Structure formats: C-alpha cells, structure tokens
Amino acid sequence: MKKKRIVIALGGNALGNTLPEQMQAVKTTAKAIVDLIEEGCEVVIAHGNGPQVGMINNAMAALSREDAKQPNTPLSVCVAMSQAYIGYDLQNALREELYNRDIYDIPVATMITQIRVNTDDPAFETPSKPIGHFMSEEQAKEAEAKYGYIMKEDAGRGFRRVVASPKPAEIIEIGAIRSLVDSGQLVIACGGGGIPVIRQGNHLKGASAVIDKDFASCLLAEELDADYLIILTAIEKVALNFGTPEVKWLDDLTTEQAETYIKEGHFAPGSMLPKVQAAVRFAQSKAGRNALITLLEKAKDGIQGTTGTRIHQA
C-alpha cells in the first residue's frame, strides 16, 4: 500500500525562541513527527524561522557595529544560517527519536534551500512579515532610528521588525529534494520559507525578504505531489470570530467555504490568513489533496480525522 506523503509546515511555537528553548522544543516536535512515520506516512518537513532569523540578524548587526571591517550581513544570508542551525537541531532530535523506536533505516537530511521570488512582487513595496523578538514602543523607535528598520505593532503583543514577504515562485533545489524524498530519506527543506533569491541571468542574488513558510510549504507539497499539507500552529482548529464570545471552531471546510471566510475578513493577516490561503491553494491544486491545520501535538489525531481543521475540494 502506497504511503501517504505529507509535507509538514512547523510553526515557530515548535522551535522555541532561544538556543536552549529550541534544543528542548525539537524533542517534542520529533516525537510528533515520528508518530506520523509510525502511522505509515512519508514525511517532509518545512519550518518557520521568525524569531531565529531576527536573532541572527541582530547578532550580525551588532558585529558590524563593533568591527568597522565587518560588512552588514544580508537578510538572505541570515535565513541561510537559520536553516542550517535549525536543521542541525531537528536532524539530531529526529534521528534520536527514530533510534529510540528501533527505526534505523530512515536517514535524516537538511537541504539548504533557495526559493526564487519575482522582482516585481508587490510585497517589496509594502513590507509586512514580522521577524525577530518583540519590543516596546520605545525600543522600536530606537531600532527605526539606528538601523532603519520598519517596525509595526503586532496583535497587541508589542512591536516587531517587518520585512518584505514575496510569494515563492520556484524552489531552486527541488530536484535534489525530490531525489532524497524518493529514496526514503526524512528531509527538512525550505526552512524559514527558503532563502529568497532573484534570478539575474545564471546568477541568483539574495533578496532582503522573508518568504512566508506556509506558502513555501504549499509549493513544496505541490512539487512533491504530496497527499497532505499539514500546517501546525498554536491552536487546535481554525475559528471564526476568534478571540470573541462568538468564536466558532471549524472541523471541516471546502475550499469554497474557506475563500468566502477569507473575503469576509475572518482571518488575521500575518497569522491565520496565510495558513488558510496556503491550505486552500494546495487543496485546489489537484483532486484528492487535503490540507490540515492543527496543533503540533494533535498532528496524528488530525490525520486520523479526529481533530484539526481539514480543508478540501467539495
């Protein structure tokens, strides 16, 4: 029987906000992923990097201020760094969890992944993707003045730096990723939405942007002909009127219903909206494809149909 091929998009809550937090968080993440493997699924992992890339960018900016010989590090390079160190922790946690369950025949590999974006993407005109840690209003104003950052208030939780978030157009390393997946490896790819690059002839130039990991995961799932796209987040189900007494939790959505709710403004930009949009796009891309939005700890239950929000064609 053919295994279900699943692309999992891990949210930032699955990775923690600091190096020690991440090392601990990936252990829980690994257990949930290996649960799916034991259920007979073929898993590919993508992940976010909002806190991590912001931390790296801040550290590299501090270095350039301390040493005049050190040039400013491009955001695309910071994304590459985040892919490597998140992948390192995930690889080790997954390998350990597989071995703990006497599964020795599934190698784990991280693919440093570039994703091409279009130079005329309107996102470059209106930066909106939050990265880095939360700041007070005073700290945000200082960051704007000192470093030229664009800072925005984020859902009542404080201020964060925002950068352009163009849509992914092409996964540069998709051939290598596909070969690894087809050979039975557990692959971590498109970390942080992929390293954003612009094609200039045969040259790929890094772009100052962060691609939304949900849209990148959707493209990855399409390219790998996955059966499921699972977007893991901080809540168990998608909701209408979230955060109000009239909240309504959704178990099952057709793509048409989801598009109606999107138009009615039920989902917050930069939060649930891109997740639902990516889920709809994947479900519409081919008959029989399903998307699931749920908690990390509930991924196995979601695949079994007992929780989460399933998005599919009518």
Protein backbone atom coordinates (compact mmCIF):
# COMPACT_ATOMS: atom_id res chain seq x y z
CA MET A 1 0.00 0.00 0.00
CA LYS A 2 1.37 3.41 -1.00
CA LYS A 3 2.35 5.58 1.94
CA LYS A 4 0.66 8.96 2.37
CA ARG A 5 3.18 11.65 1.50
CA ILE A 6 2.86 14.55 3.94
CA VAL A 7 4.56 17.94 3.96
CA ILE A 8 4.55 19.40 7.47
CA ALA A 9 4.90 23.15 7.98
CA LEU A 10 6.17 23.71 11.51
CA GLY A 11 5.31 26.99 13.20
CA GLY A 12 7.64 28.95 15.42
CA ASN A 13 6.00 27.51 18.54
CA ALA A 14 7.54 24.16 17.59
CA LEU A 15 11.06 25.60 17.73
CA GLY A 16 11.27 27.93 20.74
CA ASN A 17 12.77 31.43 20.80
CA THR A 18 16.31 30.83 22.06
CA LEU A 19 19.02 28.22 21.51
CA PRO A 20 18.25 26.31 24.76
CA GLU A 21 14.49 26.55 24.12
CA GLN A 22 14.97 25.20 20.60
CA MET A 23 17.04 22.22 21.72
CA GLN A 24 14.25 21.28 24.11
CA ALA A 25 11.37 22.10 21.75
CA VAL A 26 12.65 19.93 18.89
CA LYS A 27 12.45 16.86 21.13
CA THR A 28 8.67 17.31 21.41
CA THR A 29 8.49 18.11 17.70
CA ALA A 30 10.43 14.96 16.83
CA LYS A 31 8.04 12.76 18.81
CA ALA A 32 5.02 14.13 16.92
CA ILE A 33 6.72 13.66 13.54
CA VAL A 34 7.88 10.11 14.27
CA ASP A 35 4.34 9.30 15.43
CA LEU A 36 3.24 10.06 11.85
CA ILE A 37 6.03 7.93 10.41
CA GLU A 38 4.89 5.02 12.60
CA GLU A 39 1.38 5.56 11.22
CA GLY A 40 2.79 4.75 7.78
CA CYS A 41 3.29 8.28 6.47
CA GLU A 42 6.18 9.55 4.37
CA VAL A 43 7.08 12.90 5.91
CA VAL A 44 8.83 16.00 4.58
CA ILE A 45 9.43 18.93 6.95
CA ALA A 46 9.43 22.67 6.37
CA HIS A 47 9.60 25.22 9.16
CA GLY A 48 9.39 28.87 10.09
CA ASN A 49 12.28 30.97 11.41
CA GLY A 50 10.79 34.30 12.53
CA PRO A 51 12.44 34.53 15.97
CA GLN A 52 15.63 32.78 14.83
CA VAL A 53 16.38 34.89 11.75
CA GLY A 54 15.70 38.04 13.76
CA MET A 55 18.14 36.89 16.45
CA ILE A 56 20.81 36.10 13.85
CA ASN A 57 20.24 39.42 12.06
CA ASN A 58 20.55 41.32 15.35
CA ALA A 59 23.76 39.47 16.24
CA MET A 60 25.34 40.14 12.85
CA ALA A 61 24.30 43.81 13.02
CA ALA A 62 25.95 44.08 16.44
CA LEU A 63 29.13 42.57 14.99
CA SER A 64 29.22 45.11 12.16
CA ARG A 65 28.79 47.95 14.67
CA GLU A 66 31.65 46.64 16.82
CA ASP A 67 34.03 45.98 13.91
CA ALA A 68 34.08 48.52 11.09
CA LYS A 69 35.72 45.93 8.81
CA GLN A 70 32.69 43.64 9.06
CA PRO A 71 30.08 44.48 6.40
CA ASN A 72 26.37 44.26 7.19
CA THR A 73 25.11 40.70 6.70
CA PRO A 74 22.30 40.43 4.10
CA LEU A 75 19.00 39.07 5.37
CA SER A 76 19.19 36.24 2.81
CA VAL A 77 22.43 35.05 4.44
CA CYS A 78 20.76 35.23 7.86
CA VAL A 79 17.98 32.99 6.50
CA ALA A 80 20.62 30.51 5.28
CA MET A 81 22.24 30.50 8.73
CA SER A 82 18.86 29.86 10.36
CA GLN A 83 18.17 26.93 8.01
CA ALA A 84 21.45 25.29 8.99
CA TYR A 85 21.21 25.65 12.74
CA ILE A 86 17.50 24.78 12.96
CA GLY A 87 18.13 21.83 10.64
CA TYR A 88 21.03 20.71 12.83
CA ASP A 89 18.84 20.54 15.94
CA LEU A 90 15.91 18.94 14.09
CA GLN A 91 18.13 16.33 12.42
CA ASN A 92 19.63 15.23 15.71
CA ALA A 93 16.29 15.16 17.55
CA LEU A 94 14.61 13.18 14.76
CA ARG A 95 17.48 10.71 14.44
CA GLU A 96 17.45 10.13 18.20
CA GLU A 97 13.67 9.64 18.29
CA LEU A 98 13.78 7.23 15.33
CA TYR A 99 16.52 5.19 17.04
CA ASN A 100 14.58 5.22 20.33
CA ARG A 101 11.79 3.42 18.47
CA ASP A 102 14.17 0.98 16.75
CA ILE A 103 13.76 2.65 13.34
CA TYR A 104 17.22 2.61 11.78
CA ASP A 105 16.51 2.70 8.04
CA ILE A 106 15.34 6.32 7.61
CA PRO A 107 18.24 8.78 7.14
CA VAL A 108 17.56 12.42 8.06
CA ALA A 109 18.91 15.27 5.94
CA THR A 110 18.58 19.06 5.79
CA MET A 111 18.62 20.72 2.37
CA ILE A 112 19.77 24.34 2.32
CA THR A 113 17.04 25.64 0.04
CA GLN A 114 16.85 28.73 -2.16
CA ILE A 115 13.50 29.94 -3.47
CA ARG A 116 13.22 32.33 -6.37
CA VAL A 117 10.92 35.32 -5.99
CA ASN A 118 9.85 37.84 -8.61
CA THR A 119 11.45 41.27 -8.61
CA ASP A 120 8.09 42.92 -9.31
CA ASP A 121 6.31 41.22 -6.39
CA PRO A 122 4.22 43.97 -4.73
CA ALA A 123 5.38 42.75 -1.28
CA PHE A 124 8.63 44.65 -1.78
CA GLU A 125 6.60 47.88 -1.76
CA THR A 126 4.71 47.03 1.46
CA PRO A 127 6.85 45.07 3.98
CA SER A 128 4.61 43.11 6.33
CA LYS A 129 6.41 39.96 7.57
CA PRO A 130 7.36 40.17 11.26
CA ILE A 131 10.78 38.85 12.29
CA GLY A 132 12.78 38.92 15.50
CA HIS A 133 11.75 39.50 19.08
CA PHE A 134 9.02 41.75 20.44
CA MET A 135 9.99 45.26 21.51
CA SER A 136 8.41 48.05 23.47
CA GLU A 137 7.36 51.17 21.58
CA GLU A 138 10.46 52.97 22.86
CA GLN A 139 12.77 50.17 21.72
CA ALA A 140 11.01 50.06 18.33
CA LYS A 141 11.56 53.78 17.76
CA GLU A 142 15.23 53.38 18.64
CA ALA A 143 15.59 50.49 16.17
CA GLU A 144 13.97 52.59 13.43
CA ALA A 145 16.29 55.49 14.11
CA LYS A 146 19.52 53.47 14.48
CA TYR A 147 19.15 50.70 11.93
CA GLY A 148 16.49 51.91 9.50
CA TYR A 149 14.16 49.04 10.42
CA ILE A 150 10.46 49.22 9.67
CA MET A 151 8.64 48.43 12.92
CA LYS A 152 4.97 47.57 13.38
CA GLU A 153 2.75 46.72 16.32
CA ASP A 154 1.93 43.00 16.33
CA ALA A 155 -1.52 41.96 17.64
CA GLY A 156 -1.19 43.77 20.96
CA ARG A 157 1.96 41.83 21.89
CA GLY A 158 4.48 44.59 21.18
CA PHE A 159 6.45 45.85 18.18
CA ARG A 160 8.45 43.75 15.72
CA ARG A 161 10.56 44.45 12.67
CA VAL A 162 8.76 43.79 9.38
CA VAL A 163 10.31 42.92 6.01
CA ALA A 164 9.00 42.11 2.55
CA SER A 165 7.26 38.74 2.18
CA PRO A 166 7.11 37.94 -1.55
CA LYS A 167 5.35 34.83 -2.85
CA PRO A 168 7.56 31.84 -3.73
CA ALA A 169 7.90 31.28 -7.48
CA GLU A 170 10.39 28.41 -7.81
CA ILE A 171 12.23 26.04 -5.45
CA ILE A 172 15.77 26.00 -6.84
CA GLU A 173 16.83 22.72 -5.19
CA ILE A 174 13.57 20.84 -5.86
CA GLY A 175 15.33 18.17 -7.96
CA ALA A 176 17.70 17.29 -5.12
CA ILE A 177 14.87 17.37 -2.55
CA ARG A 178 12.72 15.08 -4.69
CA SER A 179 15.59 12.60 -5.13
CA LEU A 180 16.18 12.44 -1.37
CA VAL A 181 12.48 12.01 -0.58
CA ASP A 182 12.00 9.37 -3.27
CA SER A 183 14.96 7.42 -1.84
CA GLY A 184 13.23 7.19 1.55
CA GLN A 185 15.01 9.94 3.46
CA LEU A 186 13.34 12.21 6.02
CA VAL A 187 14.05 15.62 4.52
CA ILE A 188 14.00 19.07 6.12
CA ALA A 189 13.72 21.70 3.38
CA CYS A 190 12.54 25.24 2.61
CA GLY A 191 13.44 26.33 6.15
CA GLY A 192 12.13 29.77 7.05
CA GLY A 193 10.27 29.86 3.74
CA GLY A 194 13.51 29.33 1.82
CA ILE A 195 16.40 31.69 1.10
CA PRO A 196 14.82 34.38 -1.11
CA VAL A 197 16.74 34.89 -4.35
CA ILE A 198 16.22 36.80 -7.59
CA ARG A 199 17.45 35.38 -10.86
CA GLN A 200 19.90 37.56 -12.80
CA GLY A 201 20.87 35.51 -15.84
CA ASN A 202 22.60 32.44 -14.36
CA HIS A 203 23.26 34.25 -11.08
CA LEU A 204 21.00 34.00 -8.04
CA LYS A 205 21.09 37.18 -5.95
CA GLY A 206 19.83 37.18 -2.37
CA ALA A 207 16.81 39.38 -1.67
CA SER A 208 16.12 41.32 1.54
CA ALA A 209 12.96 39.44 2.40
CA VAL A 210 11.45 36.50 4.28
CA ILE A 211 9.11 34.21 2.37
CA ASP A 212 6.08 33.03 4.30
CA LYS A 213 6.78 29.42 5.28
CA ASP A 214 3.17 28.38 4.70
CA PHE A 215 3.23 29.44 1.03
CA ALA A 216 6.68 27.88 0.58
CA SER A 217 5.42 24.65 2.18
CA CYS A 218 2.42 24.68 -0.16
CA LEU A 219 4.70 24.97 -3.20
CA LEU A 220 6.93 22.21 -1.82
CA ALA A 221 3.91 19.94 -1.28
CA GLU A 222 2.69 20.59 -4.83
CA GLU A 223 6.12 19.90 -6.36
CA LEU A 224 6.49 16.66 -4.39
CA ASP A 225 2.93 15.54 -5.28
CA ALA A 226 2.07 15.21 -1.59
CA ASP A 227 -1.26 13.88 -0.39
CA TYR A 228 -1.43 16.16 2.64
CA LEU A 229 -0.16 19.58 3.65
CA ILE A 230 -0.23 19.85 7.45
CA ILE A 231 0.19 23.35 8.82
CA LEU A 232 0.99 23.16 12.52
CA THR A 233 0.25 26.20 14.64
CA ALA A 234 -0.58 27.29 18.20
CA ILE A 235 -4.28 26.38 18.11
CA GLU A 236 -6.09 23.10 17.52
CA LYS A 237 -8.56 24.35 14.91
CA VAL A 238 -9.30 27.32 12.69
CA ALA A 239 -12.03 29.57 14.07
CA LEU A 240 -14.47 32.26 13.03
CA ASN A 241 -14.72 35.26 15.37
CA PHE A 242 -11.51 34.14 17.08
CA GLY A 243 -10.93 35.74 20.47
CA THR A 244 -14.57 36.73 20.94
CA PRO A 245 -17.50 35.16 22.85
CA GLU A 246 -18.98 34.25 19.43
CA VAL A 247 -16.00 32.07 18.48
CA LYS A 248 -16.89 29.14 16.22
CA TRP A 249 -14.36 26.32 15.76
CA LEU A 250 -14.26 24.72 12.32
CA ASP A 251 -13.74 20.99 11.77
CA ASP A 252 -14.21 20.76 8.00
CA LEU A 253 -14.04 23.35 5.23
CA THR A 254 -14.42 23.15 1.49
CA THR A 255 -12.12 25.43 -0.44
CA GLU A 256 -15.17 27.48 -1.50
CA GLN A 257 -16.26 27.99 2.13
CA ALA A 258 -12.72 28.94 3.12
CA GLU A 259 -12.49 31.50 0.32
CA THR A 260 -15.78 33.05 1.45
CA TYR A 261 -14.50 33.37 5.03
CA ILE A 262 -11.26 34.90 3.72
CA LYS A 263 -13.22 37.55 1.79
CA GLU A 264 -15.29 38.28 4.89
CA GLY A 265 -12.07 39.06 6.80
CA HIS A 266 -12.29 36.32 9.43
CA PHE A 267 -8.56 35.52 9.49
CA ALA A 268 -5.81 37.85 10.70
CA PRO A 269 -3.12 38.87 8.17
CA GLY A 270 0.32 37.60 9.17
CA SER A 271 -1.29 35.00 11.44
CA MET A 272 -4.09 32.62 10.37
CA LEU A 273 -4.75 34.22 6.95
CA PRO A 274 -1.64 32.89 5.13
CA LYS A 275 -2.19 29.46 6.65
CA VAL A 276 -5.74 29.23 5.33
CA GLN A 277 -4.71 30.70 1.95
CA ALA A 278 -1.89 28.16 1.58
CA ALA A 279 -4.20 25.32 2.62
CA VAL A 280 -6.79 26.39 0.04
CA ARG A 281 -4.22 26.67 -2.73
CA PHE A 282 -2.86 23.19 -2.02
CA ALA A 283 -6.30 21.58 -1.81
CA GLN A 284 -7.27 23.20 -5.12
CA SER A 285 -4.06 22.17 -6.89
CA LYS A 286 -5.12 18.57 -7.58
CA ALA A 287 -8.09 16.31 -6.88
CA GLY A 288 -7.72 14.29 -3.69
CA ARG A 289 -5.29 16.64 -1.98
CA ASN A 290 -6.12 17.69 1.58
CA ALA A 291 -4.79 20.32 3.93
CA LEU A 292 -4.95 20.20 7.71
CA ILE A 293 -4.40 22.99 10.22
CA THR A 294 -3.91 21.95 13.85
CA LEU A 295 -1.64 21.79 16.88
CA LEU A 296 1.72 20.02 16.69
CA GLU A 297 0.70 17.57 19.41
CA LYS A 298 -2.52 16.78 17.52
CA ALA A 299 -0.99 16.04 14.10
CA LYS A 300 -1.50 12.28 14.41
CA ASP A 301 -5.11 12.75 15.58
CA GLY A 302 -5.68 15.18 12.71
CA ILE A 303 -4.52 12.67 10.11
CA GLN A 304 -6.90 10.15 11.68
CA GLY A 305 -9.72 12.67 11.28
CA THR A 306 -10.48 13.27 14.96
CA THR A 307 -9.36 16.89 15.29
CA GLY A 308 -7.97 19.91 13.46
CA THR A 309 -9.48 21.77 10.52
CA ARG A 310 -9.48 19.83 7.24
CA ILE A 311 -9.62 21.86 4.01
CA HIS A 312 -10.51 20.05 0.79
CA GLN A 313 -12.32 20.39 -2.52
CA ALA A 314 -16.10 19.91 -2.43
